[in-house]
Amino acid sequence: MKTPEMDNDIEYLRTKFNKVLVDTVWSDNGELGYIIQDGFDLNEYAEMAKKILEADRDIAHDFVGTVSNQSQTEVVTFDYRSGWFLEGIADGEIE
């Protein structure tokens, strides 16, 4: 049974996400896209991708990522925010 805590448990989300992941693709400008099996809620998996990426903090730039179904008939976007310290300095957010 799924509990509310599972929504924020990164390892649970990563396992659930990877079970339906078909492929990972990168655009020429460094934006990440995921292709998942047909029949799953793309909005739910886009939110999972965002939470996993932001928890890992491996990517230093902000971007708009995508999650699409395997048959390529639907695409959902998500906004990834790196949260990297130096990026805030470049944007003038930190003095």
PDB file of N, CA and C in Angstrom:
ATOM      1  N   MET A   1       0.835  -1.184   0.000  1.00  0.00           N
ATOM      2  CA  MET A   1       0.000   0.000   0.000  1.00  0.00           C
ATOM      3  C   MET A   1       0.878   1.246   0.000  1.00  0.00           C
ATOM      4  N   LYS A   2       0.541   2.212  -0.857  1.00  0.00           N
ATOM      5  CA  LYS A   2       1.292   3.454  -0.956  1.00  0.00           C
ATOM      6  C   LYS A   2       0.919   4.384   0.197  1.00  0.00           C
ATOM      7  N   THR A   3       1.937   4.983   0.799  1.00  0.00           N
ATOM      8  CA  THR A   3       1.700   5.943   1.873  1.00  0.00           C
ATOM      9  C   THR A   3       2.175   7.323   1.424  1.00  0.00           C
ATOM     10  N   PRO A   4       1.709   8.407   2.067  1.00  0.00           N
ATOM     11  CA  PRO A   4       2.171   9.754   1.689  1.00  0.00           C
ATOM     12  C   PRO A   4       3.684   9.922   1.804  1.00  0.00           C
ATOM     13  N   GLU A   5       4.306   9.233   2.744  1.00  0.00           N
ATOM     14  CA  GLU A   5       5.756   9.338   2.890  1.00  0.00           C
ATOM     15  C   GLU A   5       6.483   8.829   1.656  1.00  0.00           C
ATOM     16  N   MET A   6       5.882   7.870   0.965  1.00  0.00           N
ATOM     17  CA  MET A   6       6.513   7.308  -0.224  1.00  0.00           C
ATOM     18  C   MET A   6       6.649   8.346  -1.330  1.00  0.00           C
ATOM     19  N   ASP A   7       5.749   9.337  -1.359  1.00  0.00           N
ATOM     20  CA  ASP A   7       5.829  10.381  -2.370  1.00  0.00           C
ATOM     21  C   ASP A   7       7.113  11.194  -2.260  1.00  0.00           C
ATOM     22  N   ASN A   8       7.720  11.230  -1.090  1.00  0.00           N
ATOM     23  CA  ASN A   8       8.941  12.001  -0.880  1.00  0.00           C
ATOM     24  C   ASN A   8      10.161  11.124  -0.641  1.00  0.00           C
ATOM     25  N   ASP A   9      10.002   9.811  -0.649  1.00  0.00           N
ATOM     26  CA  ASP A   9      11.118   8.896  -0.477  1.00  0.00           C
ATOM     27  C   ASP A   9      11.795   8.710  -1.837  1.00  0.00           C
ATOM     28  N   ILE A  10      12.950   9.315  -1.991  1.00  0.00           N
ATOM     29  CA  ILE A  10      13.617   9.345  -3.289  1.00  0.00           C
ATOM     30  C   ILE A  10      13.939   7.941  -3.803  1.00  0.00           C
ATOM     31  N   GLU A  11      14.374   7.051  -2.941  1.00  0.00           N
ATOM     32  CA  GLU A  11      14.700   5.699  -3.405  1.00  0.00           C
ATOM     33  C   GLU A  11      13.450   4.963  -3.887  1.00  0.00           C
ATOM     34  N   TYR A  12      12.334   5.147  -3.193  1.00  0.00           N
ATOM     35  CA  TYR A  12      11.068   4.557  -3.640  1.00  0.00           C
ATOM     36  C   TYR A  12      10.689   5.124  -5.006  1.00  0.00           C
ATOM     37  N   LEU A  13      10.780   6.460  -5.152  1.00  0.00           N
ATOM     38  CA  LEU A  13      10.431   7.100  -6.422  1.00  0.00           C
ATOM     39  C   LEU A  13      11.360   6.633  -7.544  1.00  0.00           C
ATOM     40  N   ARG A  14      12.644   6.544  -7.234  1.00  0.00           N
ATOM     41  CA  ARG A  14      13.623   6.114  -8.246  1.00  0.00           C
ATOM     42  C   ARG A  14      13.311   4.691  -8.724  1.00  0.00           C
ATOM     43  N   THR A  15      13.001   3.799  -7.802  1.00  0.00           N
ATOM     44  CA  THR A  15      12.671   2.414  -8.156  1.00  0.00           C
ATOM     45  C   THR A  15      11.408   2.355  -9.009  1.00  0.00           C
ATOM     46  N   LYS A  16      10.383   3.082  -8.582  1.00  0.00           N
ATOM     47  CA  LYS A  16       9.121   3.110  -9.331  1.00  0.00           C
ATOM     48  C   LYS A  16       9.334   3.686 -10.729  1.00  0.00           C
ATOM     49  N   PHE A  17      10.084   4.770 -10.821  1.00  0.00           N
ATOM     50  CA  PHE A  17      10.351   5.424 -12.104  1.00  0.00           C
ATOM     51  C   PHE A  17      11.136   4.492 -13.030  1.00  0.00           C
ATOM     52  N   ASN A  18      12.183   3.879 -12.510  1.00  0.00           N
ATOM     53  CA  ASN A  18      13.042   3.026 -13.341  1.00  0.00           C
ATOM     54  C   ASN A  18      12.332   1.779 -13.857  1.00  0.00           C
ATOM     55  N   LYS A  19      11.280   1.347 -13.168  1.00  0.00           N
ATOM     56  CA  LYS A  19      10.533   0.164 -13.624  1.00  0.00           C
ATOM     57  C   LYS A  19       9.832   0.406 -14.962  1.00  0.00           C
ATOM     58  N   VAL A  20       9.476   1.651 -15.264  1.00  0.00           N
ATOM     59  CA  VAL A  20       8.757   1.944 -16.508  1.00  0.00           C
ATOM     60  C   VAL A  20       9.603   2.737 -17.508  1.00  0.00           C
ATOM     61  N   LEU A  21      10.830   3.092 -17.113  1.00  0.00           N
ATOM     62  CA  LEU A  21      11.712   3.872 -17.977  1.00  0.00           C
ATOM     63  C   LEU A  21      12.168   3.038 -19.168  1.00  0.00           C
ATOM     64  N   VAL A  22      11.984   3.587 -20.365  1.00  0.00           N
ATOM     65  CA  VAL A  22      12.404   2.924 -21.599  1.00  0.00           C
ATOM     66  C   VAL A  22      13.731   3.503 -22.076  1.00  0.00           C
ATOM     67  N   ASP A  23      13.853   4.847 -22.022  1.00  0.00           N
ATOM     68  CA  ASP A  23      15.066   5.488 -22.531  1.00  0.00           C
ATOM     69  C   ASP A  23      15.211   6.875 -21.921  1.00  0.00           C
ATOM     70  N   THR A  24      16.444   7.344 -21.894  1.00  0.00           N
ATOM     71  CA  THR A  24      16.775   8.692 -21.467  1.00  0.00           C
ATOM     72  C   THR A  24      17.447   9.382 -22.640  1.00  0.00           C
ATOM     73  N   VAL A  25      17.007  10.590 -22.974  1.00  0.00           N
ATOM     74  CA  VAL A  25      17.568  11.311 -24.112  1.00  0.00           C
ATOM     75  C   VAL A  25      17.979  12.717 -23.684  1.00  0.00           C
ATOM     76  N   TRP A  26      19.043  13.208 -24.289  1.00  0.00           N
ATOM     77  CA  TRP A  26      19.539  14.561 -24.030  1.00  0.00           C
ATOM     78  C   TRP A  26      19.418  15.375 -25.311  1.00  0.00           C
ATOM     79  N   SER A  27      18.924  16.610 -25.175  1.00  0.00           N
ATOM     80  CA  SER A  27      18.874  17.496 -26.330  1.00  0.00           C
ATOM     81  C   SER A  27      20.257  18.119 -26.534  1.00  0.00           C
ATOM     82  N   ASP A  28      20.443  18.797 -27.659  1.00  0.00           N
ATOM     83  CA  ASP A  28      21.719  19.442 -27.952  1.00  0.00           C
ATOM     84  C   ASP A  28      22.056  20.547 -26.952  1.00  0.00           C
ATOM     85  N   ASN A  29      21.023  21.138 -26.337  1.00  0.00           N
ATOM     86  CA  ASN A  29      21.283  22.218 -25.377  1.00  0.00           C
ATOM     87  C   ASN A  29      21.213  21.751 -23.923  1.00  0.00           C
ATOM     88  N   GLY A  30      21.356  20.459 -23.697  1.00  0.00           N
ATOM     89  CA  GLY A  30      21.487  19.931 -22.345  1.00  0.00           C
ATOM     90  C   GLY A  30      20.196  19.708 -21.589  1.00  0.00           C
ATOM     91  N   GLU A  31      19.081  19.613 -22.293  1.00  0.00           N
ATOM     92  CA  GLU A  31      17.810  19.330 -21.637  1.00  0.00           C
ATOM     93  C   GLU A  31      17.549  17.832 -21.677  1.00  0.00           C
ATOM     94  N   LEU A  32      17.043  17.339 -20.573  1.00  0.00           N
ATOM     95  CA  LEU A  32      16.863  15.905 -20.381  1.00  0.00           C
ATOM     96  C   LEU A  32      15.431  15.484 -20.680  1.00  0.00           C
ATOM     97  N   GLY A  33      15.294  14.370 -21.352  1.00  0.00           N
ATOM     98  CA  GLY A  33      13.978  13.813 -21.626  1.00  0.00           C
ATOM     99  C   GLY A  33      13.942  12.338 -21.278  1.00  0.00           C
ATOM    100  N   TYR A  34      12.792  11.905 -20.819  1.00  0.00           N
ATOM    101  CA  TYR A  34      12.596  10.504 -20.474  1.00  0.00           C
ATOM    102  C   TYR A  34      11.470   9.932 -21.318  1.00  0.00           C
ATOM    103  N   ILE A  35      11.623   8.698 -21.722  1.00  0.00           N
ATOM    104  CA  ILE A  35      10.569   7.963 -22.419  1.00  0.00           C
ATOM    105  C   ILE A  35      10.169   6.814 -21.499  1.00  0.00           C
ATOM    106  N   ILE A  36       8.870   6.741 -21.180  1.00  0.00           N
ATOM    107  CA  ILE A  36       8.377   5.680 -20.306  1.00  0.00           C
ATOM    108  C   ILE A  36       7.379   4.812 -21.070  1.00  0.00           C
ATOM    109  N   GLN A  37       7.098   3.662 -20.525  1.00  0.00           N
ATOM    110  CA  GLN A  37       6.158   2.735 -21.143  1.00  0.00           C
ATOM    111  C   GLN A  37       4.785   3.389 -21.289  1.00  0.00           C
ATOM    112  N   ASP A  38       4.058   2.982 -22.298  1.00  0.00           N
ATOM    113  CA  ASP A  38       2.688   3.460 -22.498  1.00  0.00           C
ATOM    114  C   ASP A  38       1.800   3.023 -21.337  1.00  0.00           C
ATOM    115  N   GLY A  39       0.765   3.820 -21.078  1.00  0.00           N
ATOM    116  CA  GLY A  39      -0.237   3.442 -20.094  1.00  0.00           C
ATOM    117  C   GLY A  39      -0.024   4.025 -18.710  1.00  0.00           C
ATOM    118  N   PHE A  40       1.014   4.836 -18.529  1.00  0.00           N
ATOM    119  CA  PHE A  40       1.277   5.433 -17.226  1.00  0.00           C
ATOM    120  C   PHE A  40       0.985   6.929 -17.271  1.00  0.00           C
ATOM    121  N   ASP A  41       0.681   7.505 -16.112  1.00  0.00           N
ATOM    122  CA  ASP A  41       0.347   8.921 -15.990  1.00  0.00           C
ATOM    123  C   ASP A  41       1.614   9.759 -16.159  1.00  0.00           C
ATOM    124  N   LEU A  42       1.725  10.451 -17.279  1.00  0.00           N
ATOM    125  CA  LEU A  42       2.929  11.223 -17.573  1.00  0.00           C
ATOM    126  C   LEU A  42       3.129  12.361 -16.573  1.00  0.00           C
ATOM    127  N   ASN A  43       2.049  12.961 -16.107  1.00  0.00           N
ATOM    128  CA  ASN A  43       2.178  14.033 -15.114  1.00  0.00           C
ATOM    129  C   ASN A  43       2.804  13.508 -13.824  1.00  0.00           C
ATOM    130  N   GLU A  44       2.369  12.336 -13.384  1.00  0.00           N
ATOM    131  CA  GLU A  44       2.922  11.734 -12.171  1.00  0.00           C
ATOM    132  C   GLU A  44       4.408  11.438 -12.351  1.00  0.00           C
ATOM    133  N   TYR A  45       4.780  10.913 -13.511  1.00  0.00           N
ATOM    134  CA  TYR A  45       6.173  10.549 -13.736  1.00  0.00           C
ATOM    135  C   TYR A  45       7.044  11.774 -13.984  1.00  0.00           C
ATOM    136  N   ALA A  46       6.492  12.835 -14.533  1.00  0.00           N
ATOM    137  CA  ALA A  46       7.241  14.086 -14.669  1.00  0.00           C
ATOM    138  C   ALA A  46       7.550  14.663 -13.288  1.00  0.00           C
ATOM    139  N   GLU A  47       6.590  14.612 -12.381  1.00  0.00           N
ATOM    140  CA  GLU A  47       6.812  15.089 -11.013  1.00  0.00           C
ATOM    141  C   GLU A  47       7.862  14.232 -10.319  1.00  0.00           C
ATOM    142  N   MET A  48       7.817  12.925 -10.546  1.00  0.00           N
ATOM    143  CA  MET A  48       8.832  12.031  -9.973  1.00  0.00           C
ATOM    144  C   MET A  48      10.212  12.372 -10.514  1.00  0.00           C
ATOM    145  N   ALA A  49      10.316  12.562 -11.829  1.00  0.00           N
ATOM    146  CA  ALA A  49      11.608  12.884 -12.445  1.00  0.00           C
ATOM    147  C   ALA A  49      12.175  14.157 -11.830  1.00  0.00           C
ATOM    148  N   LYS A  50      11.344  15.168 -11.677  1.00  0.00           N
ATOM    149  CA  LYS A  50      11.770  16.438 -11.081  1.00  0.00           C
ATOM    150  C   LYS A  50      12.283  16.229  -9.664  1.00  0.00           C
ATOM    151  N   LYS A  51      11.545  15.502  -8.840  1.00  0.00           N
ATOM    152  CA  LYS A  51      11.957  15.261  -7.452  1.00  0.00           C
ATOM    153  C   LYS A  51      13.273  14.495  -7.385  1.00  0.00           C
ATOM    154  N   ILE A  52      13.422  13.487  -8.227  1.00  0.00           N
ATOM    155  CA  ILE A  52      14.643  12.675  -8.230  1.00  0.00           C
ATOM    156  C   ILE A  52      15.839  13.522  -8.656  1.00  0.00           C
ATOM    157  N   LEU A  53      15.693  14.255  -9.753  1.00  0.00           N
ATOM    158  CA  LEU A  53      16.792  15.077 -10.255  1.00  0.00           C
ATOM    159  C   LEU A  53      17.189  16.154  -9.250  1.00  0.00           C
ATOM    160  N   GLU A  54      16.201  16.809  -8.657  1.00  0.00           N
ATOM    161  CA  GLU A  54      16.509  17.877  -7.710  1.00  0.00           C
ATOM    162  C   GLU A  54      17.112  17.322  -6.423  1.00  0.00           C
ATOM    163  N   ALA A  55      16.785  16.096  -6.067  1.00  0.00           N
ATOM    164  CA  ALA A  55      17.409  15.469  -4.895  1.00  0.00           C
ATOM    165  C   ALA A  55      18.858  15.086  -5.195  1.00  0.00           C
ATOM    166  N   ASP A  56      19.113  14.614  -6.408  1.00  0.00           N
ATOM    167  CA  ASP A  56      20.464  14.198  -6.786  1.00  0.00           C
ATOM    168  C   ASP A  56      21.396  15.394  -6.991  1.00  0.00           C
ATOM    169  N   ARG A  57      20.876  16.479  -7.532  1.00  0.00           N
ATOM    170  CA  ARG A  57      21.629  17.713  -7.787  1.00  0.00           C
ATOM    171  C   ARG A  57      22.884  17.477  -8.620  1.00  0.00           C
ATOM    172  N   ASP A  58      22.818  16.574  -9.582  1.00  0.00           N
ATOM    173  CA  ASP A  58      23.971  16.281 -10.432  1.00  0.00           C
ATOM    174  C   ASP A  58      24.098  17.246 -11.610  1.00  0.00           C
ATOM    175  N   ILE A  59      23.026  17.911 -11.984  1.00  0.00           N
ATOM    176  CA  ILE A  59      23.020  18.788 -13.146  1.00  0.00           C
ATOM    177  C   ILE A  59      23.044  20.230 -12.649  1.00  0.00           C
ATOM    178  N   ALA A  60      24.004  21.015 -13.134  1.00  0.00           N
ATOM    179  CA  ALA A  60      24.240  22.350 -12.593  1.00  0.00           C
ATOM    180  C   ALA A  60      23.437  23.464 -13.256  1.00  0.00           C
ATOM    181  N   HIS A  61      22.685  23.173 -14.288  1.00  0.00           N
ATOM    182  CA  HIS A  61      21.912  24.228 -14.946  1.00  0.00           C
ATOM    183  C   HIS A  61      20.417  23.913 -14.900  1.00  0.00           C
ATOM    184  N   ASP A  62      19.616  24.967 -14.887  1.00  0.00           N
ATOM    185  CA  ASP A  62      18.165  24.810 -14.919  1.00  0.00           C
ATOM    186  C   ASP A  62      17.742  24.464 -16.352  1.00  0.00           C
ATOM    187  N   PHE A  63      16.671  23.709 -16.482  1.00  0.00           N
ATOM    188  CA  PHE A  63      16.159  23.374 -17.810  1.00  0.00           C
ATOM    189  C   PHE A  63      14.722  22.893 -17.699  1.00  0.00           C
ATOM    190  N   VAL A  64      14.087  22.788 -18.852  1.00  0.00           N
ATOM    191  CA  VAL A  64      12.750  22.204 -18.936  1.00  0.00           C
ATOM    192  C   VAL A  64      12.928  20.792 -19.475  1.00  0.00           C
ATOM    193  N   GLY A  65      12.577  19.803 -18.663  1.00  0.00           N
ATOM    194  CA  GLY A  65      12.692  18.407 -19.065  1.00  0.00           C
ATOM    195  C   GLY A  65      11.361  17.889 -19.582  1.00  0.00           C
ATOM    196  N   THR A  66      11.406  16.723 -20.181  1.00  0.00           N
ATOM    197  CA  THR A  66      10.187  16.118 -20.712  1.00  0.00           C
ATOM    198  C   THR A  66      10.071  14.658 -20.289  1.00  0.00           C
ATOM    199  N   VAL A  67       8.838  14.219 -20.214  1.00  0.00           N
ATOM    200  CA  VAL A  67       8.518  12.803 -20.069  1.00  0.00           C
ATOM    201  C   VAL A  67       7.496  12.498 -21.148  1.00  0.00           C
ATOM    202  N   SER A  68       7.799  11.505 -21.974  1.00  0.00           N
ATOM    203  CA  SER A  68       6.866  11.134 -23.038  1.00  0.00           C
ATOM    204  C   SER A  68       6.598   9.641 -22.972  1.00  0.00           C
ATOM    205  N   ASN A  69       5.491   9.254 -23.596  1.00  0.00           N
ATOM    206  CA  ASN A  69       5.185   7.825 -23.631  1.00  0.00           C
ATOM    207  C   ASN A  69       5.938   7.171 -24.788  1.00  0.00           C
ATOM    208  N   GLN A  70       6.056   5.877 -24.727  1.00  0.00           N
ATOM    209  CA  GLN A  70       6.850   5.128 -25.696  1.00  0.00           C
ATOM    210  C   GLN A  70       6.332   5.290 -27.121  1.00  0.00           C
ATOM    211  N   SER A  71       5.034   5.415 -27.284  1.00  0.00           N
ATOM    212  CA  SER A  71       4.487   5.569 -28.634  1.00  0.00           C
ATOM    213  C   SER A  71       4.600   7.004 -29.145  1.00  0.00           C
ATOM    214  N   GLN A  72       5.165   7.894 -28.310  1.00  0.00           N
ATOM    215  CA  GLN A  72       5.423   9.290 -28.685  1.00  0.00           C
ATOM    216  C   GLN A  72       4.154  10.070 -29.038  1.00  0.00           C
ATOM    217  N   THR A  73       3.027   9.739 -28.379  1.00  0.00           N
ATOM    218  CA  THR A  73       1.775  10.446 -28.639  1.00  0.00           C
ATOM    219  C   THR A  73       1.480  11.510 -27.583  1.00  0.00           C
ATOM    220  N   GLU A  74       2.191  11.469 -26.454  1.00  0.00           N
ATOM    221  CA  GLU A  74       1.984  12.439 -25.384  1.00  0.00           C
ATOM    222  C   GLU A  74       3.326  12.857 -24.797  1.00  0.00           C
ATOM    223  N   VAL A  75       3.402  14.138 -24.412  1.00  0.00           N
ATOM    224  CA  VAL A  75       4.606  14.670 -23.781  1.00  0.00           C
ATOM    225  C   VAL A  75       4.179  15.612 -22.666  1.00  0.00           C
ATOM    226  N   VAL A  76       4.842  15.505 -21.518  1.00  0.00           N
ATOM    227  CA  VAL A  76       4.620  16.411 -20.397  1.00  0.00           C
ATOM    228  C   VAL A  76       5.969  17.012 -20.041  1.00  0.00           C
ATOM    229  N   THR A  77       5.982  18.308 -19.713  1.00  0.00           N
ATOM    230  CA  THR A  77       7.222  18.968 -19.336  1.00  0.00           C
ATOM    231  C   THR A  77       7.287  19.180 -17.825  1.00  0.00           C
ATOM    232  N   PHE A  78       8.504  19.369 -17.334  1.00  0.00           N
ATOM    233  CA  PHE A  78       8.720  19.732 -15.937  1.00  0.00           C
ATOM    234  C   PHE A  78       9.893  20.706 -15.879  1.00  0.00           C
ATOM    235  N   ASP A  79       9.869  21.603 -14.902  1.00  0.00           N
ATOM    236  CA  ASP A  79      10.933  22.583 -14.717  1.00  0.00           C
ATOM    237  C   ASP A  79      11.916  22.082 -13.678  1.00  0.00           C
ATOM    238  N   TYR A  80      13.125  21.834 -14.105  1.00  0.00           N
ATOM    239  CA  TYR A  80      14.187  21.418 -13.191  1.00  0.00           C
ATOM    240  C   TYR A  80      14.941  22.661 -12.739  1.00  0.00           C
ATOM    241  N   ARG A  81      15.128  22.797 -11.446  1.00  0.00           N
ATOM    242  CA  ARG A  81      15.905  23.893 -10.870  1.00  0.00           C
ATOM    243  C   ARG A  81      17.068  23.277 -10.115  1.00  0.00           C
ATOM    244  N   SER A  82      18.284  23.582 -10.561  1.00  0.00           N
ATOM    245  CA  SER A  82      19.469  22.928 -10.013  1.00  0.00           C
ATOM    246  C   SER A  82      19.715  23.277  -8.553  1.00  0.00           C
ATOM    247  N   GLY A  83      19.464  24.518  -8.175  1.00  0.00           N
ATOM    248  CA  GLY A  83      19.732  24.925  -6.804  1.00  0.00           C
ATOM    249  C   GLY A  83      21.215  25.061  -6.507  1.00  0.00           C
ATOM    250  N   TRP A  84      22.045  25.043  -7.534  1.00  0.00           N
ATOM    251  CA  TRP A  84      23.483  25.158  -7.315  1.00  0.00           C
ATOM    252  C   TRP A  84      23.828  26.561  -6.863  1.00  0.00           C
ATOM    253  N   PHE A  85      24.707  26.670  -5.907  1.00  0.00           N
ATOM    254  CA  PHE A  85      25.095  27.929  -5.290  1.00  0.00           C
ATOM    255  C   PHE A  85      25.625  28.939  -6.300  1.00  0.00           C
ATOM    256  N   LEU A  86      26.536  28.560  -7.159  1.00  0.00           N
ATOM    257  CA  LEU A  86      27.141  29.500  -8.091  1.00  0.00           C
ATOM    258  C   LEU A  86      26.151  30.047  -9.102  1.00  0.00           C
ATOM    259  N   GLU A  87      25.120  29.283  -9.416  1.00  0.00           N
ATOM    260  CA  GLU A  87      24.125  29.758 -10.367  1.00  0.00           C
ATOM    261  C   GLU A  87      23.396  30.971  -9.779  1.00  0.00           C
ATOM    262  N   GLY A  88      23.120  30.981  -8.502  1.00  0.00           N
ATOM    263  CA  GLY A  88      22.493  32.123  -7.854  1.00  0.00           C
ATOM    264  C   GLY A  88      23.337  33.370  -7.926  1.00  0.00           C
ATOM    265  N   ILE A  89      24.643  33.209  -7.839  1.00  0.00           N
ATOM    266  CA  ILE A  89      25.541  34.362  -7.946  1.00  0.00           C
ATOM    267  C   ILE A  89      25.468  34.944  -9.354  1.00  0.00           C
ATOM    268  N   ALA A  90      25.467  34.105 -10.358  1.00  0.00           N
ATOM    269  CA  ALA A  90      25.413  34.560 -11.736  1.00  0.00           C
ATOM    270  C   ALA A  90      24.124  35.306 -12.032  1.00  0.00           C
ATOM    271  N   ASP A  91      23.043  34.916 -11.407  1.00  0.00           N
ATOM    272  CA  ASP A  91      21.750  35.565 -11.629  1.00  0.00           C
ATOM    273  C   ASP A  91      21.550  36.785 -10.748  1.00  0.00           C
ATOM    274  N   GLY A  92      22.529  37.110  -9.894  1.00  0.00           N
ATOM    275  CA  GLY A  92      22.423  38.264  -9.035  1.00  0.00           C
ATOM    276  C   GLY A  92      21.535  38.041  -7.828  1.00  0.00           C
ATOM    277  N   GLU A  93      21.203  36.788  -7.540  1.00  0.00           N
ATOM    278  CA  GLU A  93      20.312  36.484  -6.421  1.00  0.00           C
ATOM    279  C   GLU A  93      21.039  36.534  -5.081  1.00  0.00           C
ATOM    280  N   ILE A  94      22.347  36.344  -5.112  1.00  0.00           N
ATOM    281  CA  ILE A  94      23.144  36.305  -3.889  1.00  0.00           C
ATOM    282  C   ILE A  94      24.156  37.432  -3.956  1.00  0.00           C
ATOM    283  N   GLU A  95      24.256  38.185  -2.907  1.00  0.00           N
ATOM    284  CA  GLU A  95      25.220  39.293  -2.906  1.00  0.00           C
ATOM    285  C   GLU A  95      26.401  38.976  -2.031  1.00  0.00           C
TER     286      GLU A  95
END
